[in-house]
Amino acid sequence: MFKMLADWLVEDIFGLSTATKFGGAVHFFIYDTTKILALIAVMIFIISYIRSYFPPEKVKMWLQGRRKGVASVLAALLGVVSPFCSCSTVPLFIGFVEAGIPLGITFTFLISSPIVNEISLVMLFSMFDWKIAVLYIIVGVVLAIVAGAIIGRLKLERYVESYVYEIKMGEQAAMEQLTVRDRLSIAKENVIETVKKIWLYILIGIGIGAFIHGYAPEELLVKYAGENNPFAVPVAVLLGVPLYSNAVGSLPIVEALMQKGVAAGTALAFMMAITALSLPEMILLRKLMKPQLIGVFAGVVSIGIIIIGYGFNLIL
């Protein structure tokens, strides 16, 4: 349906040929924009309804008092089904620390939540194949667990700002009982609110992807970001760190890069770096912790992403 719409607009309305660079780029932009926005609207509605059963207070309660191994796995899985945006980092971090949840487990949740995004998982299925989508969610969960365990073992609590331990956020006496109609209304509002927040990033991401698709020299990309360049993955991670987007906005770029011959691991490592190590999130984290802890967090996650990127390149 989306391809037919893109074909009709590009060829019949605009009178362009998809065989040309410009026509191919316009077709890519229209096709991906309509497909992604439709998928996002549907998936946000469904996931928002499910997520209404997983408020931050419940997540915190489920992690309290668990054994470290169980809590780490649970934190990573909860990050998948209850993702929060970077603006939620501050209250979530404070709430977890206040509840006595170990620092490593807190980081496991904060790493898993943006990387293993349920919307991006569905989009990976639609853009590529089930193998890439399943592998992506597995390695994302493993990265969150391992990175959280390493941070926990280093005993870095002294690098959390002292005021965080003094804050008392207060407990919710009883979970609000929502009706089905309430949950559907929340889901609808979340669709509108989320699309308003991310539509610009999506268009920018698709625009970059369309440019790469239409104009980027295939030989150049393959030369510097293909499987034969041993430094392609770390370079992709370094390039991804200062950028700001979410998994949804970066996926069109990943799609265009892979269509041009860039190795899957390199492209996905680039996306993971954007989502897990974005500059705005680092700025938010600075309110809560000292630069030493931010440096360890960024270093551990970066190394993990690089290893994952090389692994993807070997097996795909």
Protein backbone atom coordinates (compact mmCIF):
# COMPACT_ATOMS: atom_id res chain seq x y z
CA MET A 1 0.00 0.00 0.00
CA PHE A 2 2.74 2.48 1.00
CA LYS A 3 4.85 1.57 -2.03
CA MET A 4 1.86 2.03 -4.34
CA LEU A 5 1.23 5.46 -2.81
CA ALA A 6 4.89 6.43 -3.22
CA ASP A 7 4.91 5.15 -6.82
CA TRP A 8 1.75 7.13 -7.66
CA LEU A 9 3.01 10.38 -6.09
CA VAL A 10 6.50 10.20 -7.56
CA GLU A 11 5.68 8.97 -11.05
CA ASP A 12 2.15 10.19 -11.75
CA ILE A 13 1.88 13.39 -9.67
CA PHE A 14 5.48 14.66 -9.69
CA GLY A 15 6.41 13.11 -13.02
CA LEU A 16 9.74 11.79 -11.74
CA SER A 17 11.53 8.57 -12.57
CA THR A 18 12.69 6.39 -9.69
CA ALA A 19 15.65 5.40 -11.85
CA THR A 20 17.16 8.88 -11.38
CA LYS A 21 19.00 9.89 -8.22
CA PHE A 22 16.52 12.62 -7.35
CA GLY A 23 13.46 10.48 -8.12
CA GLY A 24 14.86 7.59 -6.11
CA ALA A 25 15.55 9.87 -3.14
CA VAL A 26 12.03 11.38 -3.26
CA HIS A 27 10.49 7.91 -3.52
CA PHE A 28 12.53 6.72 -0.52
CA PHE A 29 11.43 9.77 1.49
CA ILE A 30 7.70 9.42 0.72
CA TYR A 31 7.64 5.64 1.14
CA ASP A 32 9.51 5.63 4.45
CA THR A 33 7.64 8.64 5.85
CA THR A 34 4.17 7.20 5.26
CA LYS A 35 5.16 3.68 6.35
CA ILE A 36 7.01 4.74 9.49
CA LEU A 37 4.41 7.25 10.70
CA ALA A 38 1.62 4.69 10.20
CA LEU A 39 3.57 1.99 12.03
CA ILE A 40 4.46 4.36 14.84
CA ALA A 41 0.87 5.49 15.36
CA VAL A 42 -0.43 1.90 15.53
CA MET A 43 2.40 0.59 17.71
CA ILE A 44 2.40 3.53 20.14
CA PHE A 45 -1.34 3.06 20.67
CA ILE A 46 -0.96 -0.67 21.37
CA ILE A 47 2.15 -0.35 23.54
CA SER A 48 0.79 2.66 25.44
CA TYR A 49 -2.25 0.64 26.40
CA ILE A 50 -0.01 -2.20 27.65
CA ARG A 51 2.37 0.27 29.30
CA SER A 52 -0.48 1.72 31.38
CA TYR A 53 -0.08 -1.43 33.50
CA PHE A 54 3.63 -0.68 34.06
CA PRO A 55 4.00 2.76 35.68
CA PRO A 56 7.46 3.64 37.09
CA GLU A 57 6.24 2.92 40.62
CA LYS A 58 5.42 -0.68 39.71
CA VAL A 59 8.74 -1.14 37.92
CA LYS A 60 10.52 0.07 41.04
CA MET A 61 8.47 -2.22 43.27
CA TRP A 62 9.22 -5.30 41.14
CA LEU A 63 12.97 -4.64 41.30
CA GLN A 64 13.16 -3.97 45.04
CA GLY A 65 14.51 -6.79 47.16
CA ARG A 66 15.27 -9.12 44.27
CA ARG A 67 18.46 -11.14 44.05
CA LYS A 68 21.00 -9.37 41.82
CA GLY A 69 20.95 -11.92 39.00
CA VAL A 70 17.17 -12.07 38.88
CA ALA A 71 16.85 -8.31 39.26
CA SER A 72 19.30 -7.66 36.39
CA VAL A 73 17.41 -9.88 33.96
CA LEU A 74 14.08 -8.47 35.14
CA ALA A 75 15.38 -4.89 34.80
CA ALA A 76 16.53 -5.53 31.23
CA LEU A 77 13.23 -7.15 30.24
CA LEU A 78 11.21 -4.40 31.91
CA GLY A 79 13.26 -1.90 29.92
CA VAL A 80 11.98 -3.59 26.75
CA VAL A 81 8.28 -3.50 27.60
CA SER A 82 8.27 -0.20 29.48
CA PRO A 83 10.66 2.10 27.62
CA PHE A 84 10.98 5.65 28.86
CA CYS A 85 12.41 8.58 26.96
CA SER A 86 15.57 10.36 28.06
CA CYS A 87 13.48 13.04 29.78
CA SER A 88 12.42 10.36 32.28
CA THR A 89 16.03 9.55 33.17
CA VAL A 90 16.26 11.92 36.12
CA PRO A 91 13.13 10.89 38.09
CA LEU A 92 13.65 7.20 37.30
CA PHE A 93 17.26 7.25 38.44
CA ILE A 94 16.37 9.10 41.64
CA GLY A 95 13.46 6.74 42.33
CA PHE A 96 15.60 3.63 41.84
CA VAL A 97 18.42 4.93 44.04
CA GLU A 98 15.95 5.99 46.73
CA ALA A 99 14.40 2.53 46.71
CA GLY A 100 17.78 0.96 47.41
CA ILE A 101 18.06 -0.73 44.01
CA PRO A 102 21.78 -1.38 43.29
CA LEU A 103 23.48 1.01 40.90
CA GLY A 104 24.31 -1.73 38.39
CA ILE A 105 20.68 -2.83 38.12
CA THR A 106 19.57 0.78 37.74
CA PHE A 107 21.94 1.18 34.80
CA THR A 108 20.74 -2.11 33.30
CA PHE A 109 17.24 -0.66 33.08
CA LEU A 110 18.43 2.71 31.76
CA ILE A 111 20.50 1.02 29.03
CA SER A 112 17.85 -1.48 27.99
CA SER A 113 15.01 1.04 27.85
CA PRO A 114 16.20 3.21 24.92
CA ILE A 115 18.16 0.54 22.99
CA VAL A 116 15.56 -2.23 22.89
CA ASN A 117 12.61 -0.16 21.77
CA GLU A 118 9.44 -2.06 20.89
CA ILE A 119 8.60 0.28 18.01
CA SER A 120 12.05 -0.08 16.49
CA LEU A 121 11.74 -3.85 16.85
CA VAL A 122 8.58 -3.88 14.74
CA MET A 123 10.22 -1.57 12.21
CA LEU A 124 13.30 -3.81 12.01
CA PHE A 125 10.95 -6.67 11.16
CA SER A 126 9.33 -4.62 8.41
CA MET A 127 12.54 -3.14 6.98
CA PHE A 128 14.83 -6.14 7.12
CA ASP A 129 14.02 -9.66 8.33
CA TRP A 130 13.18 -11.58 11.50
CA LYS A 131 16.79 -12.67 12.03
CA ILE A 132 18.11 -9.12 12.39
CA ALA A 133 15.17 -8.07 14.60
CA VAL A 134 15.50 -11.06 16.96
CA LEU A 135 19.28 -10.78 17.17
CA TYR A 136 18.98 -7.06 17.86
CA ILE A 137 16.67 -7.52 20.85
CA ILE A 138 18.80 -10.37 22.24
CA VAL A 139 22.09 -8.47 22.04
CA GLY A 140 20.42 -5.32 23.38
CA VAL A 141 19.22 -7.17 26.48
CA VAL A 142 22.59 -8.90 26.94
CA LEU A 143 24.43 -5.58 26.58
CA ALA A 144 22.22 -3.98 29.25
CA ILE A 145 22.75 -6.89 31.69
CA VAL A 146 26.52 -7.16 31.17
CA ALA A 147 27.16 -3.40 31.22
CA GLY A 148 25.03 -3.03 34.35
CA ALA A 149 26.89 -5.91 36.03
CA ILE A 150 30.29 -4.34 35.24
CA ILE A 151 29.21 -0.94 36.57
CA GLY A 152 27.80 -2.62 39.68
CA ARG A 153 31.02 -4.52 40.39
CA LEU A 154 33.12 -1.36 40.15
CA LYS A 155 31.34 0.07 43.24
CA LEU A 156 30.91 3.57 41.88
CA GLU A 157 28.18 4.77 44.22
CA ARG A 158 30.51 7.51 45.52
CA TYR A 159 30.26 9.18 42.12
CA VAL A 160 26.49 9.66 42.40
CA GLU A 161 25.73 13.22 43.46
CA SER A 162 25.10 13.23 47.23
CA TYR A 163 21.77 15.05 46.98
CA VAL A 164 20.27 12.11 45.06
CA TYR A 165 20.47 9.95 48.20
CA GLU A 166 18.75 12.64 50.26
CA ILE A 167 15.68 13.07 48.02
CA LYS A 168 12.46 11.43 49.17
CA MET A 169 10.09 11.19 46.26
CA GLY A 170 7.27 9.68 48.25
CA GLU A 171 5.44 6.42 47.60
CA GLN A 172 2.13 6.13 45.85
CA ALA A 173 -0.24 4.77 48.48
CA ALA A 174 -2.28 2.77 46.04
CA MET A 175 -1.98 2.21 42.36
CA GLU A 176 -4.59 4.16 40.47
CA GLN A 177 -7.26 1.84 39.12
CA LEU A 178 -7.82 2.72 35.50
CA THR A 179 -10.77 1.56 33.43
CA VAL A 180 -10.39 0.21 29.89
CA ARG A 181 -11.78 3.50 28.59
CA ASP A 182 -9.17 5.40 30.64
CA ARG A 183 -6.36 3.26 29.22
CA LEU A 184 -7.62 3.70 25.64
CA SER A 185 -7.79 7.45 26.19
CA ILE A 186 -4.24 7.47 27.56
CA ALA A 187 -3.06 5.45 24.55
CA LYS A 188 -4.69 7.90 22.13
CA GLU A 189 -3.16 10.89 23.92
CA ASN A 190 0.26 9.21 23.90
CA VAL A 191 0.05 8.70 20.14
CA ILE A 192 -0.63 12.41 19.58
CA GLU A 193 1.95 13.57 22.14
CA THR A 194 4.69 11.19 20.97
CA VAL A 195 4.21 11.92 17.27
CA LYS A 196 4.38 15.65 18.04
CA LYS A 197 7.71 15.11 19.83
CA ILE A 198 9.38 12.85 17.30
CA TRP A 199 7.99 13.75 13.86
CA LEU A 200 10.78 16.23 13.17
CA TYR A 201 13.49 13.69 14.07
CA ILE A 202 11.78 11.14 11.85
CA LEU A 203 11.69 13.52 8.89
CA ILE A 204 15.33 14.50 9.45
CA GLY A 205 16.34 10.85 9.70
CA ILE A 206 14.37 9.91 6.59
CA GLY A 207 15.74 12.95 4.77
CA ILE A 208 19.32 11.90 5.53
CA GLY A 209 18.46 8.36 4.56
CA ALA A 210 16.90 9.55 1.29
CA PHE A 211 20.00 11.58 0.47
CA ILE A 212 22.26 8.60 1.17
CA HIS A 213 19.95 6.37 -0.88
CA GLY A 214 19.95 8.71 -3.87
CA TYR A 215 23.31 10.44 -3.86
CA ALA A 216 25.91 8.82 -1.58
CA PRO A 217 28.52 7.03 -3.69
CA GLU A 218 28.09 3.33 -3.11
CA GLU A 219 31.78 2.57 -3.62
CA LEU A 220 32.83 5.21 -1.05
CA LEU A 221 30.49 3.92 1.66
CA VAL A 222 31.49 0.32 1.10
CA LYS A 223 35.16 1.30 1.16
CA TYR A 224 35.04 3.15 4.47
CA ALA A 225 32.10 1.47 6.22
CA GLY A 226 32.06 -1.96 4.63
CA GLU A 227 33.13 -5.26 6.11
CA ASN A 228 36.69 -4.91 4.79
CA ASN A 229 37.45 -1.84 6.90
CA PRO A 230 38.46 -3.13 10.38
CA PHE A 231 37.82 0.28 11.97
CA ALA A 232 34.35 0.84 10.50
CA VAL A 233 32.46 -0.17 13.66
CA PRO A 234 34.31 2.03 16.21
CA VAL A 235 34.16 4.96 13.79
CA ALA A 236 30.39 4.46 13.43
CA VAL A 237 30.02 4.45 17.24
CA LEU A 238 32.09 7.63 17.60
CA LEU A 239 29.97 9.33 14.93
CA GLY A 240 26.74 8.23 16.62
CA VAL A 241 27.52 9.49 20.13
CA PRO A 242 27.17 13.27 19.51
CA LEU A 243 24.00 12.87 17.45
CA TYR A 244 20.55 13.02 19.00
CA SER A 245 17.71 10.87 17.82
CA ASN A 246 15.81 7.81 18.93
CA ALA A 247 15.81 4.35 17.39
CA VAL A 248 12.84 5.29 15.21
CA GLY A 249 14.51 8.38 13.75
CA SER A 250 17.82 6.61 13.11
CA LEU A 251 16.37 3.51 11.44
CA PRO A 252 15.82 5.16 8.02
CA ILE A 253 19.52 6.08 8.01
CA VAL A 254 20.44 2.50 8.92
CA GLU A 255 18.18 1.20 6.13
CA ALA A 256 19.78 3.50 3.54
CA LEU A 257 23.31 2.64 4.68
CA MET A 258 22.63 -1.09 4.44
CA GLN A 259 21.05 -0.69 1.00
CA LYS A 260 24.28 0.98 -0.10
CA GLY A 261 26.35 -1.97 1.09
CA VAL A 262 27.37 -0.87 4.59
CA ALA A 263 27.76 -3.92 6.83
CA ALA A 264 24.76 -4.64 9.07
CA GLY A 265 26.83 -4.62 12.26
CA THR A 266 28.35 -1.25 11.44
CA ALA A 267 24.96 0.31 10.69
CA LEU A 268 23.29 -1.15 13.78
CA ALA A 269 26.23 -0.13 16.00
CA PHE A 270 25.73 3.41 14.71
CA MET A 271 22.04 3.25 15.69
CA MET A 272 22.76 1.80 19.15
CA ALA A 273 25.31 4.55 19.85
CA ILE A 274 22.77 7.23 18.91
CA THR A 275 20.08 5.78 21.18
CA ALA A 276 22.17 4.67 24.17
CA LEU A 277 24.83 7.39 24.30
CA SER A 278 23.09 10.53 23.04
CA LEU A 279 24.56 13.85 24.15
CA PRO A 280 21.28 15.16 25.69
CA GLU A 281 21.06 12.07 27.90
CA MET A 282 24.65 12.63 29.07
CA ILE A 283 23.76 16.21 29.96
CA LEU A 284 20.77 14.98 31.96
CA LEU A 285 22.86 12.35 33.70
CA ARG A 286 25.35 15.02 34.75
CA LYS A 287 22.66 16.38 37.07
CA LEU A 288 22.73 13.06 38.92
CA MET A 289 26.32 11.84 38.82
CA LYS A 290 29.89 12.97 38.56
CA PRO A 291 31.86 12.91 35.30
CA GLN A 292 33.79 9.80 36.40
CA LEU A 293 30.62 7.70 36.51
CA ILE A 294 29.37 9.12 33.21
CA GLY A 295 32.74 8.28 31.67
CA VAL A 296 32.62 4.69 32.91
CA PHE A 297 29.02 4.31 31.70
CA ALA A 298 29.83 5.70 28.25
CA GLY A 299 33.04 3.66 27.98
CA VAL A 300 31.49 0.33 29.00
CA VAL A 301 28.47 0.75 26.72
CA SER A 302 30.63 1.93 23.79
CA ILE A 303 32.90 -1.11 24.07
CA GLY A 304 29.85 -3.36 24.27
CA ILE A 305 28.31 -1.79 21.16
CA ILE A 306 31.58 -2.15 19.23
CA ILE A 307 31.79 -5.85 20.14
CA ILE A 308 28.16 -6.32 19.07
CA GLY A 309 28.83 -4.52 15.79
CA TYR A 310 31.75 -6.80 14.94
CA GLY A 311 29.67 -9.81 15.96
CA PHE A 312 26.81 -8.80 13.66
CA ASN A 313 29.27 -8.35 10.80
CA LEU A 314 30.61 -11.86 11.32
CA ILE A 315 27.30 -13.71 11.45
CA LEU A 316 25.10 -11.72 9.01
